[in-house]
PDB file of N, CA and C in Angstrom:
ATOM      1  N   MET A   1     103.539  13.245 136.825  1.00  0.00           N
ATOM      2  CA  MET A   1     102.589  14.318 136.918  1.00  0.00           C
ATOM      3  C   MET A   1     103.208  15.644 136.490  1.00  0.00           C
ATOM      4  N   LYS A   2     104.456  15.861 136.912  1.00  0.00           N
ATOM      5  CA  LYS A   2     105.137  17.080 136.511  1.00  0.00           C
ATOM      6  C   LYS A   2     105.358  17.101 135.009  1.00  0.00           C
ATOM      7  N   LEU A   3     105.649  15.936 134.464  1.00  0.00           N
ATOM      8  CA  LEU A   3     105.866  15.848 133.033  1.00  0.00           C
ATOM      9  C   LEU A   3     104.593  16.194 132.270  1.00  0.00           C
ATOM     10  N   LEU A   4     103.449  15.737 132.763  1.00  0.00           N
ATOM     11  CA  LEU A   4     102.160  16.041 132.131  1.00  0.00           C
ATOM     12  C   LEU A   4     101.860  17.538 132.218  1.00  0.00           C
ATOM     13  N   ALA A   5     102.096  18.139 133.369  1.00  0.00           N
ATOM     14  CA  ALA A   5     101.861  19.568 133.560  1.00  0.00           C
ATOM     15  C   ALA A   5     102.764  20.384 132.650  1.00  0.00           C
ATOM     16  N   MET A   6     104.030  19.980 132.543  1.00  0.00           N
ATOM     17  CA  MET A   6     104.965  20.694 131.659  1.00  0.00           C
ATOM     18  C   MET A   6     104.547  20.564 130.200  1.00  0.00           C
ATOM     19  N   THR A   7     104.071  19.386 129.799  1.00  0.00           N
ATOM     20  CA  THR A   7     103.636  19.172 128.419  1.00  0.00           C
ATOM     21  C   THR A   7     102.423  20.042 128.096  1.00  0.00           C
ATOM     22  N   VAL A   8     101.446  20.079 129.022  1.00  0.00           N
ATOM     23  CA  VAL A   8     100.253  20.904 128.820  1.00  0.00           C
ATOM     24  C   VAL A   8     100.640  22.376 128.749  1.00  0.00           C
ATOM     25  N   LEU A   9     101.532  22.810 129.636  1.00  0.00           N
ATOM     26  CA  LEU A   9     101.992  24.199 129.639  1.00  0.00           C
ATOM     27  C   LEU A   9     102.701  24.537 128.333  1.00  0.00           C
ATOM     28  N   LEU A  10     103.552  23.644 127.845  1.00  0.00           N
ATOM     29  CA  LEU A  10     104.283  23.864 126.602  1.00  0.00           C
ATOM     30  C   LEU A  10     103.320  23.937 125.408  1.00  0.00           C
ATOM     31  N   LEU A  11     102.343  23.030 125.366  1.00  0.00           N
ATOM     32  CA  LEU A  11     101.359  23.051 124.281  1.00  0.00           C
ATOM     33  C   LEU A  11     100.511  24.321 124.313  1.00  0.00           C
ATOM     34  N   THR A  12     100.149  24.775 125.504  1.00  0.00           N
ATOM     35  CA  THR A  12      99.356  25.999 125.634  1.00  0.00           C
ATOM     36  C   THR A  12     100.142  27.205 125.157  1.00  0.00           C
ATOM     37  N   ILE A  13     101.397  27.284 125.538  1.00  0.00           N
ATOM     38  CA  ILE A  13     102.238  28.408 125.112  1.00  0.00           C
ATOM     39  C   ILE A  13     102.412  28.399 123.601  1.00  0.00           C
ATOM     40  N   CYS A  14     102.654  27.236 123.027  1.00  0.00           N
ATOM     41  CA  CYS A  14     102.843  27.138 121.565  1.00  0.00           C
ATOM     42  C   CYS A  14     101.570  27.535 120.819  1.00  0.00           C
ATOM     43  N   SER A  15     100.414  27.093 121.313  1.00  0.00           N
ATOM     44  CA  SER A  15      99.169  27.432 120.619  1.00  0.00           C
ATOM     45  C   SER A  15      98.864  28.921 120.746  1.00  0.00           C
ATOM     46  N   LEU A  16      99.183  29.519 121.906  1.00  0.00           N
ATOM     47  CA  LEU A  16      98.976  30.958 122.084  1.00  0.00           C
ATOM     48  C   LEU A  16      99.893  31.764 121.174  1.00  0.00           C
ATOM     49  N   GLU A  17     101.144  31.319 121.026  1.00  0.00           N
ATOM     50  CA  GLU A  17     102.071  31.999 120.129  1.00  0.00           C
ATOM     51  C   GLU A  17     101.594  31.891 118.686  1.00  0.00           C
ATOM     52  N   GLY A  18     101.080  30.714 118.328  1.00  0.00           N
ATOM     53  CA  GLY A  18     100.565  30.526 116.971  1.00  0.00           C
ATOM     54  C   GLY A  18      99.353  31.404 116.705  1.00  0.00           C
ATOM     55  N   ALA A  19      98.480  31.540 117.694  1.00  0.00           N
ATOM     56  CA  ALA A  19      97.297  32.388 117.541  1.00  0.00           C
ATOM     57  C   ALA A  19      97.704  33.844 117.419  1.00  0.00           C
ATOM     58  N   LEU A  20      98.710  34.253 118.175  1.00  0.00           N
ATOM     59  CA  LEU A  20      99.184  35.627 118.112  1.00  0.00           C
ATOM     60  C   LEU A  20      99.787  35.932 116.744  1.00  0.00           C
ATOM     61  N   VAL A  21     100.543  34.997 116.197  1.00  0.00           N
ATOM     62  CA  VAL A  21     101.143  35.185 114.877  1.00  0.00           C
ATOM     63  C   VAL A  21     100.042  35.287 113.816  1.00  0.00           C
ATOM     64  N   ARG A  22      99.014  34.413 113.910  1.00  0.00           N
ATOM     65  CA  ARG A  22      97.905  34.477 112.947  1.00  0.00           C
ATOM     66  C   ARG A  22      97.158  35.792 113.079  1.00  0.00           C
ATOM     67  N   ARG A  23      96.965  36.232 114.300  1.00  0.00           N
ATOM     68  CA  ARG A  23      96.224  37.476 114.522  1.00  0.00           C
ATOM     69  C   ARG A  23      96.981  38.664 113.945  1.00  0.00           C
ATOM     70  N   GLN A  24      98.294  38.689 114.123  1.00  0.00           N
ATOM     71  CA  GLN A  24      99.095  39.775 113.579  1.00  0.00           C
ATOM     72  C   GLN A  24      99.113  39.732 112.059  1.00  0.00           C
ATOM     73  N   ALA A  25      99.091  38.552 111.496  1.00  0.00           N
ATOM     74  CA  ALA A  25      99.100  38.418 110.041  1.00  0.00           C
ATOM     75  C   ALA A  25      97.774  38.858 109.439  1.00  0.00           C
ATOM     76  N   GLU A  26      96.690  38.739 110.176  1.00  0.00           N
ATOM     77  CA  GLU A  26      95.376  39.083 109.655  1.00  0.00           C
ATOM     78  C   GLU A  26      95.058  40.566 109.740  1.00  0.00           C
ATOM     79  N   GLU A  27      95.841  41.363 110.466  1.00  0.00           N
ATOM     80  CA  GLU A  27      95.568  42.791 110.567  1.00  0.00           C
ATOM     81  C   GLU A  27      95.751  43.442 109.200  1.00  0.00           C
ATOM     82  N   PRO A  28      94.704  44.126 108.714  1.00  0.00           N
ATOM     83  CA  PRO A  28      94.812  44.751 107.402  1.00  0.00           C
ATOM     84  C   PRO A  28      95.669  46.013 107.465  1.00  0.00           C
ATOM     85  N   ASN A  29      96.263  46.325 106.361  1.00  0.00           N
ATOM     86  CA  ASN A  29      97.049  47.537 106.247  1.00  0.00           C
ATOM     87  C   ASN A  29      96.082  48.668 105.911  1.00  0.00           C
ATOM     88  N   LEU A  30      95.791  49.523 106.864  1.00  0.00           N
ATOM     89  CA  LEU A  30      94.785  50.558 106.686  1.00  0.00           C
ATOM     90  C   LEU A  30      95.179  51.590 105.633  1.00  0.00           C
ATOM     91  N   SER A  31      96.447  51.929 105.553  1.00  0.00           N
ATOM     92  CA  SER A  31      96.857  52.913 104.553  1.00  0.00           C
ATOM     93  C   SER A  31      96.699  52.332 103.151  1.00  0.00           C
ATOM     94  N   GLY A  32      96.992  51.050 102.988  1.00  0.00           N
ATOM     95  CA  GLY A  32      96.798  50.402 101.690  1.00  0.00           C
ATOM     96  C   GLY A  32      95.329  50.300 101.331  1.00  0.00           C
ATOM     97  N   LEU A  33      94.514  50.024 102.318  1.00  0.00           N
ATOM     98  CA  LEU A  33      93.072  49.934 102.093  1.00  0.00           C
ATOM     99  C   LEU A  33      92.505  51.290 101.710  1.00  0.00           C
ATOM    100  N   ALA A  34      92.937  52.353 102.377  1.00  0.00           N
ATOM    101  CA  ALA A  34      92.456  53.703 102.063  1.00  0.00           C
ATOM    102  C   ALA A  34      92.903  54.116 100.671  1.00  0.00           C
ATOM    103  N   SER A  35      94.151  53.841 100.320  1.00  0.00           N
ATOM    104  CA  SER A  35      94.626  54.223  98.988  1.00  0.00           C
ATOM    105  C   SER A  35      93.900  53.440  97.903  1.00  0.00           C
ATOM    106  N   GLN A  36      93.589  52.174  98.161  1.00  0.00           N
ATOM    107  CA  GLN A  36      92.828  51.374  97.194  1.00  0.00           C
ATOM    108  C   GLN A  36      91.417  51.940  97.040  1.00  0.00           C
ATOM    109  N   TYR A  37      90.814  52.358  98.148  1.00  0.00           N
ATOM    110  CA  TYR A  37      89.474  52.951  98.097  1.00  0.00           C
ATOM    111  C   TYR A  37      89.486  54.228  97.264  1.00  0.00           C
ATOM    112  N   PHE A  38      90.441  55.116  97.498  1.00  0.00           N
ATOM    113  CA  PHE A  38      90.498  56.364  96.756  1.00  0.00           C
ATOM    114  C   PHE A  38      90.830  56.132  95.283  1.00  0.00           C
ATOM    115  N   GLN A  39      91.636  55.136  94.981  1.00  0.00           N
ATOM    116  CA  GLN A  39      91.954  54.810  93.605  1.00  0.00           C
ATOM    117  C   GLN A  39      90.692  54.324  92.884  1.00  0.00           C
ATOM    118  N   THR A  40      89.911  53.474  93.532  1.00  0.00           N
ATOM    119  CA  THR A  40      88.662  52.987  92.947  1.00  0.00           C
ATOM    120  C   THR A  40      87.689  54.133  92.750  1.00  0.00           C
ATOM    121  N   LEU A  41      87.607  55.017  93.710  1.00  0.00           N
ATOM    122  CA  LEU A  41      86.723  56.178  93.608  1.00  0.00           C
ATOM    123  C   LEU A  41      87.146  57.088  92.455  1.00  0.00           C
ATOM    124  N   THR A  42      88.435  57.287  92.287  1.00  0.00           N
ATOM    125  CA  THR A  42      88.941  58.113  91.194  1.00  0.00           C
ATOM    126  C   THR A  42      88.622  57.489  89.843  1.00  0.00           C
ATOM    127  N   GLU A  43      88.821  56.177  89.715  1.00  0.00           N
ATOM    128  CA  GLU A  43      88.511  55.496  88.462  1.00  0.00           C
ATOM    129  C   GLU A  43      87.026  55.579  88.142  1.00  0.00           C
ATOM    130  N   TYR A  44      86.196  55.414  89.154  1.00  0.00           N
ATOM    131  CA  TYR A  44      84.751  55.500  88.949  1.00  0.00           C
ATOM    132  C   TYR A  44      84.361  56.907  88.508  1.00  0.00           C
ATOM    133  N   SER A  45      84.978  57.924  89.106  1.00  0.00           N
ATOM    134  CA  SER A  45      84.679  59.307  88.735  1.00  0.00           C
ATOM    135  C   SER A  45      85.086  59.582  87.289  1.00  0.00           C
ATOM    136  N   LYS A  46      86.238  59.073  86.894  1.00  0.00           N
ATOM    137  CA  LYS A  46      86.688  59.274  85.509  1.00  0.00           C
ATOM    138  C   LYS A  46      85.732  58.604  84.530  1.00  0.00           C
ATOM    139  N   ASP A  47      85.287  57.401  84.840  1.00  0.00           N
ATOM    140  CA  ASP A  47      84.335  56.700  83.975  1.00  0.00           C
ATOM    141  C   ASP A  47      83.024  57.463  83.883  1.00  0.00           C
ATOM    142  N   LEU A  48      82.582  58.008  84.995  1.00  0.00           N
ATOM    143  CA  LEU A  48      81.334  58.760  85.016  1.00  0.00           C
ATOM    144  C   LEU A  48      81.448  60.031  84.186  1.00  0.00           C
ATOM    145  N   ILE A  49      82.567  60.707  84.263  1.00  0.00           N
ATOM    146  CA  ILE A  49      82.777  61.920  83.475  1.00  0.00           C
ATOM    147  C   ILE A  49      82.810  61.588  81.990  1.00  0.00           C
ATOM    148  N   GLU A  50      83.463  60.486  81.631  1.00  0.00           N
ATOM    149  CA  GLU A  50      83.505  60.085  80.224  1.00  0.00           C
ATOM    150  C   GLU A  50      82.103  59.763  79.704  1.00  0.00           C
ATOM    151  N   LYS A  51      81.296  59.101  80.520  1.00  0.00           N
ATOM    152  CA  LYS A  51      79.938  58.777  80.102  1.00  0.00           C
ATOM    153  C   LYS A  51      79.092  60.030  79.976  1.00  0.00           C
ATOM    154  N   ALA A  52      79.334  61.016  80.836  1.00  0.00           N
ATOM    155  CA  ALA A  52      78.555  62.257  80.790  1.00  0.00           C
ATOM    156  C   ALA A  52      78.895  63.070  79.548  1.00  0.00           C
ATOM    157  N   LYS A  53      80.090  62.887  79.018  1.00  0.00           N
ATOM    158  CA  LYS A  53      80.488  63.640  77.828  1.00  0.00           C
ATOM    159  C   LYS A  53      79.831  63.113  76.561  1.00  0.00           C
ATOM    160  N   THR A  54      79.422  61.892  76.572  1.00  0.00           N
ATOM    161  CA  THR A  54      78.845  61.325  75.360  1.00  0.00           C
ATOM    162  C   THR A  54      77.475  61.927  75.106  1.00  0.00           C
ATOM    163  N   THR A  55      77.137  62.061  73.849  1.00  0.00           N
ATOM    164  CA  THR A  55      75.850  62.649  73.483  1.00  0.00           C
ATOM    165  C   THR A  55      74.697  61.684  73.758  1.00  0.00           C
ATOM    166  N   GLU A  56      75.001  60.400  73.793  1.00  0.00           N
ATOM    167  CA  GLU A  56      73.940  59.422  74.049  1.00  0.00           C
ATOM    168  C   GLU A  56      73.312  59.650  75.421  1.00  0.00           C
ATOM    169  N   LEU A  57      74.134  59.859  76.424  1.00  0.00           N
ATOM    170  CA  LEU A  57      73.620  60.093  77.773  1.00  0.00           C
ATOM    171  C   LEU A  57      72.842  61.405  77.834  1.00  0.00           C
ATOM    172  N   GLN A  58      73.347  62.424  77.163  1.00  0.00           N
ATOM    173  CA  GLN A  58      72.649  63.709  77.142  1.00  0.00           C
ATOM    174  C   GLN A  58      71.301  63.580  76.443  1.00  0.00           C
ATOM    175  N   ASN A  59      71.265  62.826  75.359  1.00  0.00           N
ATOM    176  CA  ASN A  59      70.003  62.629  74.646  1.00  0.00           C
ATOM    177  C   ASN A  59      69.004  61.844  75.495  1.00  0.00           C
ATOM    178  N   GLN A  60      69.485  60.863  76.225  1.00  0.00           N
ATOM    179  CA  GLN A  60      68.607  60.099  77.114  1.00  0.00           C
ATOM    180  C   GLN A  60      68.028  60.996  78.201  1.00  0.00           C
ATOM    181  N   ALA A  61      68.850  61.854  78.762  1.00  0.00           N
ATOM    182  CA  ALA A  61      68.374  62.757  79.817  1.00  0.00           C
ATOM    183  C   ALA A  61      67.351  63.738  79.256  1.00  0.00           C
ATOM    184  N   LYS A  62      67.619  64.271  78.072  1.00  0.00           N
ATOM    185  CA  LYS A  62      66.694  65.211  77.451  1.00  0.00           C
ATOM    186  C   LYS A  62      65.358  64.532  77.146  1.00  0.00           C
ATOM    187  N   ALA A  63      65.385  63.315  76.639  1.00  0.00           N
ATOM    188  CA  ALA A  63      64.156  62.577  76.340  1.00  0.00           C
ATOM    189  C   ALA A  63      63.386  62.282  77.624  1.00  0.00           C
ATOM    190  N   TYR A  64      64.091  61.975  78.694  1.00  0.00           N
ATOM    191  CA  TYR A  64      63.435  61.710  79.976  1.00  0.00           C
ATOM    192  C   TYR A  64      62.718  62.958  80.478  1.00  0.00           C
ATOM    193  N   PHE A  65      63.385  64.105  80.422  1.00  0.00           N
ATOM    194  CA  PHE A  65      62.765  65.339  80.894  1.00  0.00           C
ATOM    195  C   PHE A  65      61.576  65.742  80.029  1.00  0.00           C
ATOM    196  N   GLU A  66      61.668  65.538  78.734  1.00  0.00           N
ATOM    197  CA  GLU A  66      60.542  65.857  77.857  1.00  0.00           C
ATOM    198  C   GLU A  66      59.351  64.951  78.157  1.00  0.00           C
ATOM    199  N   ARG A  67      59.612  63.672  78.349  1.00  0.00           N
ATOM    200  CA  ARG A  67      58.544  62.730  78.689  1.00  0.00           C
ATOM    201  C   ARG A  67      57.889  63.096  80.021  1.00  0.00           C
ATOM    202  N   THR A  68      58.699  63.461  80.981  1.00  0.00           N
ATOM    203  CA  THR A  68      58.184  63.849  82.285  1.00  0.00           C
ATOM    204  C   THR A  68      57.338  65.112  82.177  1.00  0.00           C
ATOM    205  N   LYS A  69      57.801  66.055  81.404  1.00  0.00           N
ATOM    206  CA  LYS A  69      57.056  67.304  81.217  1.00  0.00           C
ATOM    207  C   LYS A  69      55.711  67.026  80.551  1.00  0.00           C
ATOM    208  N   GLU A  70      55.696  66.160  79.550  1.00  0.00           N
ATOM    209  CA  GLU A  70      54.449  65.814  78.865  1.00  0.00           C
ATOM    210  C   GLU A  70      53.460  65.150  79.824  1.00  0.00           C
ATOM    211  N   GLN A  71      53.955  64.342  80.723  1.00  0.00           N
ATOM    212  CA  GLN A  71      53.080  63.642  81.657  1.00  0.00           C
ATOM    213  C   GLN A  71      52.596  64.545  82.785  1.00  0.00           C
ATOM    214  N   LEU A  72      53.429  65.484  83.221  1.00  0.00           N
ATOM    215  CA  LEU A  72      53.072  66.320  84.357  1.00  0.00           C
ATOM    216  C   LEU A  72      52.244  67.548  83.984  1.00  0.00           C
ATOM    217  N   THR A  73      52.369  68.045  82.776  1.00  0.00           N
ATOM    218  CA  THR A  73      51.656  69.262  82.386  1.00  0.00           C
ATOM    219  C   THR A  73      50.147  69.124  82.560  1.00  0.00           C
ATOM    220  N   PRO A  74      49.495  68.075  82.051  1.00  0.00           N
ATOM    221  CA  PRO A  74      48.041  67.965  82.265  1.00  0.00           C
ATOM    222  C   PRO A  74      47.681  67.833  83.750  1.00  0.00           C
ATOM    223  N   LEU A  75      48.493  67.138  84.502  1.00  0.00           N
ATOM    224  CA  LEU A  75      48.233  66.963  85.926  1.00  0.00           C
ATOM    225  C   LEU A  75      48.312  68.304  86.657  1.00  0.00           C
ATOM    226  N   ILE A  76      49.299  69.104  86.338  1.00  0.00           N
ATOM    227  CA  ILE A  76      49.455  70.411  86.977  1.00  0.00           C
ATOM    228  C   ILE A  76      48.290  71.324  86.620  1.00  0.00           C
ATOM    229  N   LYS A  77      47.857  71.297  85.366  1.00  0.00           N
ATOM    230  CA  LYS A  77      46.713  72.124  84.966  1.00  0.00           C
ATOM    231  C   LYS A  77      45.449  71.697  85.697  1.00  0.00           C
ATOM    232  N   LYS A  78      45.254  70.407  85.883  1.00  0.00           N
ATOM    233  CA  LYS A  78      44.075  69.919  86.599  1.00  0.00           C
ATOM    234  C   LYS A  78      44.114  70.341  88.059  1.00  0.00           C
ATOM    235  N   VAL A  79      45.266  70.229  88.698  1.00  0.00           N
ATOM    236  CA  VAL A  79      45.404  70.640  90.096  1.00  0.00           C
ATOM    237  C   VAL A  79      45.150  72.136  90.230  1.00  0.00           C
ATOM    238  N   GLN A  80      45.648  72.911  89.293  1.00  0.00           N
ATOM    239  CA  GLN A  80      45.440  74.360  89.327  1.00  0.00           C
ATOM    240  C   GLN A  80      43.953  74.692  89.209  1.00  0.00           C
ATOM    241  N   THR A  81      43.264  74.046  88.288  1.00  0.00           N
ATOM    242  CA  THR A  81      41.827  74.275  88.114  1.00  0.00           C
ATOM    243  C   THR A  81      41.058  73.860  89.355  1.00  0.00           C
ATOM    244  N   ASP A  82      41.393  72.714  89.918  1.00  0.00           N
ATOM    245  CA  ASP A  82      40.707  72.244  91.125  1.00  0.00           C
ATOM    246  C   ASP A  82      40.918  73.192  92.299  1.00  0.00           C
ATOM    247  N   LEU A  83      42.144  73.700  92.453  1.00  0.00           N
ATOM    248  CA  LEU A  83      42.412  74.639  93.541  1.00  0.00           C
ATOM    249  C   LEU A  83      41.629  75.941  93.360  1.00  0.00           C
ATOM    250  N   LEU A  84      41.591  76.437  92.132  1.00  0.00           N
ATOM    251  CA  LEU A  84      40.828  77.657  91.876  1.00  0.00           C
ATOM    252  C   LEU A  84      39.350  77.440  92.179  1.00  0.00           C
ATOM    253  N   ASN A  85      38.801  76.321  91.772  1.00  0.00           N
ATOM    254  CA  ASN A  85      37.399  76.016  92.054  1.00  0.00           C
ATOM    255  C   ASN A  85      37.161  75.890  93.558  1.00  0.00           C
ATOM    256  N   PHE A  86      38.090  75.292  94.256  1.00  0.00           N
ATOM    257  CA  PHE A  86      37.971  75.126  95.705  1.00  0.00           C
ATOM    258  C   PHE A  86      37.931  76.475  96.406  1.00  0.00           C
ATOM    259  N   PHE A  87      38.870  77.359  96.065  1.00  0.00           N
ATOM    260  CA  PHE A  87      38.908  78.671  96.705  1.00  0.00           C
ATOM    261  C   PHE A  87      37.728  79.543  96.278  1.00  0.00           C
ATOM    262  N   ASN A  88      37.302  79.410  95.030  1.00  0.00           N
ATOM    263  CA  ASN A  88      36.139  80.168  94.566  1.00  0.00           C
ATOM    264  C   ASN A  88      34.873  79.732  95.305  1.00  0.00           C
ATOM    265  N   SER A  89      34.789  78.486  95.682  1.00  0.00           N
ATOM    266  CA  SER A  89      33.610  78.032  96.425  1.00  0.00           C
ATOM    267  C   SER A  89      33.531  78.707  97.793  1.00  0.00           C
ATOM    268  N   PHE A  90      34.665  79.005  98.406  1.00  0.00           N
ATOM    269  CA  PHE A  90      34.666  79.731  99.678  1.00  0.00           C
ATOM    270  C   PHE A  90      34.301  81.200  99.476  1.00  0.00           C
ATOM    271  N   VAL A  91      34.799  81.780  98.394  1.00  0.00           N
ATOM    272  CA  VAL A  91      34.519  83.190  98.114  1.00  0.00           C
ATOM    273  C   VAL A  91      33.036  83.375  97.826  1.00  0.00           C
ATOM    274  N   ASP A  92      32.427  82.460  97.080  1.00  0.00           N
ATOM    275  CA  ASP A  92      31.017  82.568  96.735  1.00  0.00           C
ATOM    276  C   ASP A  92      30.132  82.420  97.959  1.00  0.00           C
ATOM    277  N   LYS A  93      30.529  81.653  98.939  1.00  0.00           N
ATOM    278  CA  LYS A  93      29.718  81.410 100.128  1.00  0.00           C
ATOM    279  C   LYS A  93      29.910  82.462 101.207  1.00  0.00           C
ATOM    280  N   ALA A  94      30.900  83.310 101.078  1.00  0.00           N
ATOM    281  CA  ALA A  94      31.171  84.330 102.094  1.00  0.00           C
ATOM    282  C   ALA A  94      30.039  85.348 102.093  1.00  0.00           C
ATOM    283  N   PRO A  95      29.587  85.765 103.275  1.00  0.00           N
ATOM    284  CA  PRO A  95      28.524  86.774 103.323  1.00  0.00           C
ATOM    285  C   PRO A  95      29.039  88.122 102.831  1.00  0.00           C
ATOM    286  N   PRO A  96      28.187  88.889 102.184  1.00  0.00           N
ATOM    287  CA  PRO A  96      28.636  90.198 101.672  1.00  0.00           C
ATOM    288  C   PRO A  96      28.957  91.137 102.834  1.00  0.00           C
ATOM    289  N   ALA A  97      29.934  91.956 102.629  1.00  0.00           N
ATOM    290  CA  ALA A  97      30.340  92.903 103.669  1.00  0.00           C
ATOM    291  C   ALA A  97      29.355  94.054 103.733  1.00  0.00           C
ATOM    292  N   SER A  98      28.876  94.383 104.903  1.00  0.00           N
ATOM    293  CA  SER A  98      27.907  95.473 105.050  1.00  0.00           C
ATOM    294  C   SER A  98      28.651  96.779 105.331  1.00  0.00           C
ATOM    295  N   LYS A  99      28.058  97.854 104.799  1.00  0.00           N
ATOM    296  CA  LYS A  99      28.700  99.172 104.963  1.00  0.00           C
ATOM    297  C   LYS A  99      28.036  99.965 106.039  1.00  0.00           C
TER     298      LYS A  99
END
């Protein structure tokens, strides 16, 4: 019985030591992770700046804004006309001021 208890105790200690070693091995290096993150961010920023310098991207942005302006101009004029008509309807219905 003592031999069985000692064997179980020995196996438990060995498995706990093995789990502790695995757990310590799995801890990530936070400074390495942070430096990798900043390096990736820097590379992405450099790529973005290079793309912004190209005329193709500038031309695409200019075409987008022109298209948007063409689509919104009639809508804005209609809203302006509708608002003026709405407010004029209140002005026309107001009773004249007596002196």
